[in-house]
Amino acid sequence: MAAWLVEHFVWVALALVVVLVGLKFLIGGLMKRLMDASAAAEAAAKHNPGDGPGPDRR
């Protein structure tokens, strides 16, 4: 097994890099979706339609 790893070190390392970069983008995408959803939920919770001027409030 050790001899095989030495012979194929570049390919094993390249595969490992591809997997790690793929995980980085996957986790980053999931975090962005969660942060956007969290920001939207927080904005919706803070929004009170009665606070601002409306058609019948002047």
PDB file of N, CA and C in Angstrom:
ATOM      1  N   MET A   1       0.828  -1.201   0.000  1.00  0.00           N
ATOM      2  CA  MET A   1       0.000   0.000   0.000  1.00  0.00           C
ATOM      3  C   MET A   1       0.869   1.260   0.000  1.00  0.00           C
ATOM      4  N   ALA A   2       1.938   1.246   0.795  1.00  0.00           N
ATOM      5  CA  ALA A   2       2.822   2.413   0.864  1.00  0.00           C
ATOM      6  C   ALA A   2       3.474   2.676  -0.487  1.00  0.00           C
ATOM      7  N   ALA A   3       3.879   1.623  -1.167  1.00  0.00           N
ATOM      8  CA  ALA A   3       4.511   1.792  -2.475  1.00  0.00           C
ATOM      9  C   ALA A   3       3.503   2.371  -3.475  1.00  0.00           C
ATOM     10  N   TRP A   4       2.269   1.911  -3.405  1.00  0.00           N
ATOM     11  CA  TRP A   4       1.238   2.425  -4.303  1.00  0.00           C
ATOM     12  C   TRP A   4       1.008   3.915  -4.046  1.00  0.00           C
ATOM     13  N   LEU A   5       0.962   4.318  -2.764  1.00  0.00           N
ATOM     14  CA  LEU A   5       0.763   5.732  -2.438  1.00  0.00           C
ATOM     15  C   LEU A   5       1.920   6.588  -2.935  1.00  0.00           C
ATOM     16  N   VAL A   6       3.127   6.075  -2.824  1.00  0.00           N
ATOM     17  CA  VAL A   6       4.286   6.828  -3.302  1.00  0.00           C
ATOM     18  C   VAL A   6       4.220   6.990  -4.817  1.00  0.00           C
ATOM     19  N   GLU A   7       3.839   5.934  -5.510  1.00  0.00           N
ATOM     20  CA  GLU A   7       3.772   5.991  -6.963  1.00  0.00           C
ATOM     21  C   GLU A   7       2.653   6.907  -7.459  1.00  0.00           C
ATOM     22  N   HIS A   8       1.574   6.975  -6.712  1.00  0.00           N
ATOM     23  CA  HIS A   8       0.391   7.733  -7.149  1.00  0.00           C
ATOM     24  C   HIS A   8       0.139   8.955  -6.267  1.00  0.00           C
ATOM     25  N   PHE A   9       1.185   9.475  -5.637  1.00  0.00           N
ATOM     26  CA  PHE A   9       1.037  10.569  -4.689  1.00  0.00           C
ATOM     27  C   PHE A   9       0.371  11.797  -5.312  1.00  0.00           C
ATOM     28  N   VAL A  10       0.770  12.157  -6.515  1.00  0.00           N
ATOM     29  CA  VAL A  10       0.220  13.356  -7.156  1.00  0.00           C
ATOM     30  C   VAL A  10      -1.279  13.201  -7.380  1.00  0.00           C
ATOM     31  N   TRP A  11      -1.700  12.033  -7.858  1.00  0.00           N
ATOM     32  CA  TRP A  11      -3.125  11.823  -8.129  1.00  0.00           C
ATOM     33  C   TRP A  11      -3.937  11.759  -6.852  1.00  0.00           C
ATOM     34  N   VAL A  12      -3.377  11.130  -5.826  1.00  0.00           N
ATOM     35  CA  VAL A  12      -4.081  11.061  -4.534  1.00  0.00           C
ATOM     36  C   VAL A  12      -4.212  12.466  -3.949  1.00  0.00           C
ATOM     37  N   ALA A  13      -3.137  13.238  -4.013  1.00  0.00           N
ATOM     38  CA  ALA A  13      -3.180  14.600  -3.488  1.00  0.00           C
ATOM     39  C   ALA A  13      -4.163  15.458  -4.279  1.00  0.00           C
ATOM     40  N   LEU A  14      -4.171  15.320  -5.600  1.00  0.00           N
ATOM     41  CA  LEU A  14      -5.098  16.078  -6.430  1.00  0.00           C
ATOM     42  C   LEU A  14      -6.545  15.715  -6.101  1.00  0.00           C
ATOM     43  N   ALA A  15      -6.824  14.442  -5.936  1.00  0.00           N
ATOM     44  CA  ALA A  15      -8.179  14.006  -5.573  1.00  0.00           C
ATOM     45  C   ALA A  15      -8.589  14.564  -4.209  1.00  0.00           C
ATOM     46  N   LEU A  16      -7.656  14.571  -3.268  1.00  0.00           N
ATOM     47  CA  LEU A  16      -7.946  15.103  -1.942  1.00  0.00           C
ATOM     48  C   LEU A  16      -8.243  16.602  -2.015  1.00  0.00           C
ATOM     49  N   VAL A  17      -7.475  17.327  -2.806  1.00  0.00           N
ATOM     50  CA  VAL A  17      -7.710  18.762  -2.971  1.00  0.00           C
ATOM     51  C   VAL A  17      -9.079  19.003  -3.598  1.00  0.00           C
ATOM     52  N   VAL A  18      -9.429  18.228  -4.606  1.00  0.00           N
ATOM     53  CA  VAL A  18     -10.728  18.394  -5.265  1.00  0.00           C
ATOM     54  C   VAL A  18     -11.864  18.143  -4.275  1.00  0.00           C
ATOM     55  N   VAL A  19     -11.738  17.110  -3.468  1.00  0.00           N
ATOM     56  CA  VAL A  19     -12.777  16.804  -2.471  1.00  0.00           C
ATOM     57  C   VAL A  19     -12.886  17.928  -1.448  1.00  0.00           C
ATOM     58  N   LEU A  20     -11.760  18.415  -0.957  1.00  0.00           N
ATOM     59  CA  LEU A  20     -11.795  19.471   0.058  1.00  0.00           C
ATOM     60  C   LEU A  20     -12.346  20.786  -0.495  1.00  0.00           C
ATOM     61  N   VAL A  21     -11.966  21.132  -1.716  1.00  0.00           N
ATOM     62  CA  VAL A  21     -12.492  22.360  -2.322  1.00  0.00           C
ATOM     63  C   VAL A  21     -13.988  22.218  -2.587  1.00  0.00           C
ATOM     64  N   GLY A  22     -14.414  21.037  -3.024  1.00  0.00           N
ATOM     65  CA  GLY A  22     -15.842  20.796  -3.218  1.00  0.00           C
ATOM     66  C   GLY A  22     -16.618  20.937  -1.924  1.00  0.00           C
ATOM     67  N   LEU A  23     -16.082  20.401  -0.842  1.00  0.00           N
ATOM     68  CA  LEU A  23     -16.731  20.548   0.461  1.00  0.00           C
ATOM     69  C   LEU A  23     -16.787  22.010   0.891  1.00  0.00           C
ATOM     70  N   LYS A  24     -15.724  22.747   0.604  1.00  0.00           N
ATOM     71  CA  LYS A  24     -15.695  24.175   0.958  1.00  0.00           C
ATOM     72  C   LYS A  24     -16.829  24.911   0.258  1.00  0.00           C
ATOM     73  N   PHE A  25     -16.991  24.674  -1.040  1.00  0.00           N
ATOM     74  CA  PHE A  25     -18.053  25.351  -1.771  1.00  0.00           C
ATOM     75  C   PHE A  25     -19.428  24.883  -1.322  1.00  0.00           C
ATOM     76  N   LEU A  26     -19.573  23.601  -1.042  1.00  0.00           N
ATOM     77  CA  LEU A  26     -20.857  23.077  -0.568  1.00  0.00           C
ATOM     78  C   LEU A  26     -21.231  23.697   0.768  1.00  0.00           C
ATOM     79  N   ILE A  27     -20.305  23.705   1.705  1.00  0.00           N
ATOM     80  CA  ILE A  27     -20.574  24.272   3.023  1.00  0.00           C
ATOM     81  C   ILE A  27     -20.791  25.781   2.913  1.00  0.00           C
ATOM     82  N   GLY A  28     -20.001  26.445   2.074  1.00  0.00           N
ATOM     83  CA  GLY A  28     -20.183  27.881   1.877  1.00  0.00           C
ATOM     84  C   GLY A  28     -21.552  28.216   1.309  1.00  0.00           C
ATOM     85  N   GLY A  29     -22.000  27.434   0.343  1.00  0.00           N
ATOM     86  CA  GLY A  29     -23.326  27.648  -0.238  1.00  0.00           C
ATOM     87  C   GLY A  29     -24.433  27.427   0.769  1.00  0.00           C
ATOM     88  N   LEU A  30     -24.297  26.373   1.568  1.00  0.00           N
ATOM     89  CA  LEU A  30     -25.297  26.118   2.599  1.00  0.00           C
ATOM     90  C   LEU A  30     -25.318  27.228   3.644  1.00  0.00           C
ATOM     91  N   MET A  31     -24.136  27.692   4.041  1.00  0.00           N
ATOM     92  CA  MET A  31     -24.073  28.773   5.030  1.00  0.00           C
ATOM     93  C   MET A  31     -24.701  30.050   4.474  1.00  0.00           C
ATOM     94  N   LYS A  32     -24.465  30.338   3.190  1.00  0.00           N
ATOM     95  CA  LYS A  32     -25.051  31.539   2.593  1.00  0.00           C
ATOM     96  C   LYS A  32     -26.570  31.440   2.578  1.00  0.00           C
ATOM     97  N   ARG A  33     -27.098  30.279   2.222  1.00  0.00           N
ATOM     98  CA  ARG A  33     -28.551  30.104   2.217  1.00  0.00           C
ATOM     99  C   ARG A  33     -29.126  30.250   3.615  1.00  0.00           C
ATOM    100  N   LEU A  34     -28.435  29.685   4.612  1.00  0.00           N
ATOM    101  CA  LEU A  34     -28.919  29.804   5.984  1.00  0.00           C
ATOM    102  C   LEU A  34     -28.852  31.249   6.480  1.00  0.00           C
ATOM    103  N   MET A  35     -27.772  31.950   6.140  1.00  0.00           N
ATOM    104  CA  MET A  35     -27.641  33.344   6.573  1.00  0.00           C
ATOM    105  C   MET A  35     -28.706  34.219   5.901  1.00  0.00           C
ATOM    106  N   ASP A  36     -28.970  33.985   4.604  1.00  0.00           N
ATOM    107  CA  ASP A  36     -29.996  34.757   3.908  1.00  0.00           C
ATOM    108  C   ASP A  36     -31.373  34.488   4.505  1.00  0.00           C
ATOM    109  N   ALA A  37     -31.652  33.229   4.800  1.00  0.00           N
ATOM    110  CA  ALA A  37     -32.942  32.883   5.402  1.00  0.00           C
ATOM    111  C   ALA A  37     -33.069  33.498   6.790  1.00  0.00           C
ATOM    112  N   SER A  38     -31.980  33.497   7.536  1.00  0.00           N
ATOM    113  CA  SER A  38     -31.994  34.079   8.871  1.00  0.00           C
ATOM    114  C   SER A  38     -32.216  35.586   8.802  1.00  0.00           C
ATOM    115  N   ALA A  39     -31.543  36.244   7.873  1.00  0.00           N
ATOM    116  CA  ALA A  39     -31.711  37.693   7.722  1.00  0.00           C
ATOM    117  C   ALA A  39     -33.135  38.030   7.289  1.00  0.00           C
ATOM    118  N   ALA A  40     -33.696  37.230   6.401  1.00  0.00           N
ATOM    119  CA  ALA A  40     -35.070  37.468   5.949  1.00  0.00           C
ATOM    120  C   ALA A  40     -36.056  37.258   7.089  1.00  0.00           C
ATOM    121  N   ALA A  41     -35.834  36.231   7.895  1.00  0.00           N
ATOM    122  CA  ALA A  41     -36.729  35.970   9.024  1.00  0.00           C
ATOM    123  C   ALA A  41     -36.629  37.086  10.062  1.00  0.00           C
ATOM    124  N   GLU A  42     -35.416  37.567  10.292  1.00  0.00           N
ATOM    125  CA  GLU A  42     -35.244  38.653  11.256  1.00  0.00           C
ATOM    126  C   GLU A  42     -35.909  39.938  10.758  1.00  0.00           C
ATOM    127  N   ALA A  43     -35.766  40.228   9.471  1.00  0.00           N
ATOM    128  CA  ALA A  43     -36.398  41.423   8.908  1.00  0.00           C
ATOM    129  C   ALA A  43     -37.917  41.309   8.966  1.00  0.00           C
ATOM    130  N   ALA A  44     -38.443  40.110   8.693  1.00  0.00           N
ATOM    131  CA  ALA A  44     -39.893  39.913   8.742  1.00  0.00           C
ATOM    132  C   ALA A  44     -40.404  40.042  10.171  1.00  0.00           C
ATOM    133  N   ALA A  45     -39.623  39.592  11.129  1.00  0.00           N
ATOM    134  CA  ALA A  45     -40.053  39.681  12.525  1.00  0.00           C
ATOM    135  C   ALA A  45     -40.044  41.128  13.008  1.00  0.00           C
ATOM    136  N   LYS A  46     -39.120  41.938  12.508  1.00  0.00           N
ATOM    137  CA  LYS A  46     -39.039  43.337  12.927  1.00  0.00           C
ATOM    138  C   LYS A  46     -40.051  44.221  12.210  1.00  0.00           C
ATOM    139  N   HIS A  47     -40.549  43.771  11.064  1.00  0.00           N
ATOM    140  CA  HIS A  47     -41.454  44.591  10.258  1.00  0.00           C
ATOM    141  C   HIS A  47     -42.809  44.681  10.941  1.00  0.00           C
ATOM    142  N   ASN A  48     -43.252  45.900  11.173  1.00  0.00           N
ATOM    143  CA  ASN A  48     -44.571  46.137  11.748  1.00  0.00           C
ATOM    144  C   ASN A  48     -45.303  47.098  10.825  1.00  0.00           C
ATOM    145  N   PRO A  49     -46.280  46.602  10.076  1.00  0.00           N
ATOM    146  CA  PRO A  49     -46.940  47.460   9.101  1.00  0.00           C
ATOM    147  C   PRO A  49     -47.631  48.680   9.730  1.00  0.00           C
ATOM    148  N   GLY A  50     -47.940  48.640  11.008  1.00  0.00           N
ATOM    149  CA  GLY A  50     -48.609  49.761  11.643  1.00  0.00           C
ATOM    150  C   GLY A  50     -47.687  50.904  11.998  1.00  0.00           C
ATOM    151  N   ASP A  51     -46.390  50.729  11.854  1.00  0.00           N
ATOM    152  CA  ASP A  51     -45.436  51.767  12.256  1.00  0.00           C
ATOM    153  C   ASP A  51     -45.307  52.893  11.244  1.00  0.00           C
ATOM    154  N   GLY A  52     -45.447  52.603   9.993  1.00  0.00           N
ATOM    155  CA  GLY A  52     -45.172  53.598   8.959  1.00  0.00           C
ATOM    156  C   GLY A  52     -46.431  54.299   8.499  1.00  0.00           C
ATOM    157  N   PRO A  53     -46.236  55.374   7.744  1.00  0.00           N
ATOM    158  CA  PRO A  53     -47.403  56.054   7.196  1.00  0.00           C
ATOM    159  C   PRO A  53     -48.060  55.200   6.117  1.00  0.00           C
ATOM    160  N   GLY A  54     -49.328  55.153   6.129  1.00  0.00           N
ATOM    161  CA  GLY A  54     -50.068  54.399   5.140  1.00  0.00           C
ATOM    162  C   GLY A  54     -51.030  55.289   4.423  1.00  0.00           C
ATOM    163  N   PRO A  55     -51.906  54.732   3.596  1.00  0.00           N
ATOM    164  CA  PRO A  55     -52.852  55.552   2.852  1.00  0.00           C
ATOM    165  C   PRO A  55     -53.824  56.313   3.768  1.00  0.00           C
ATOM    166  N   ASP A  56     -54.138  55.750   4.930  1.00  0.00           N
ATOM    167  CA  ASP A  56     -55.079  56.420   5.823  1.00  0.00           C
ATOM    168  C   ASP A  56     -54.380  57.125   6.992  1.00  0.00           C
ATOM    169  N   ARG A  57     -53.025  57.147   7.000  1.00  0.00           N
ATOM    170  CA  ARG A  57     -52.274  57.829   8.058  1.00  0.00           C
ATOM    171  C   ARG A  57     -51.475  58.954   7.447  1.00  0.00           C
ATOM    172  N   ARG A  58     -51.749  60.168   7.867  1.00  0.00           N
ATOM    173  CA  ARG A  58     -50.988  61.301   7.338  1.00  0.00           C
ATOM    174  C   ARG A  58     -50.608  62.239   8.419  1.00  0.00           C
TER     175      ARG A  58
END
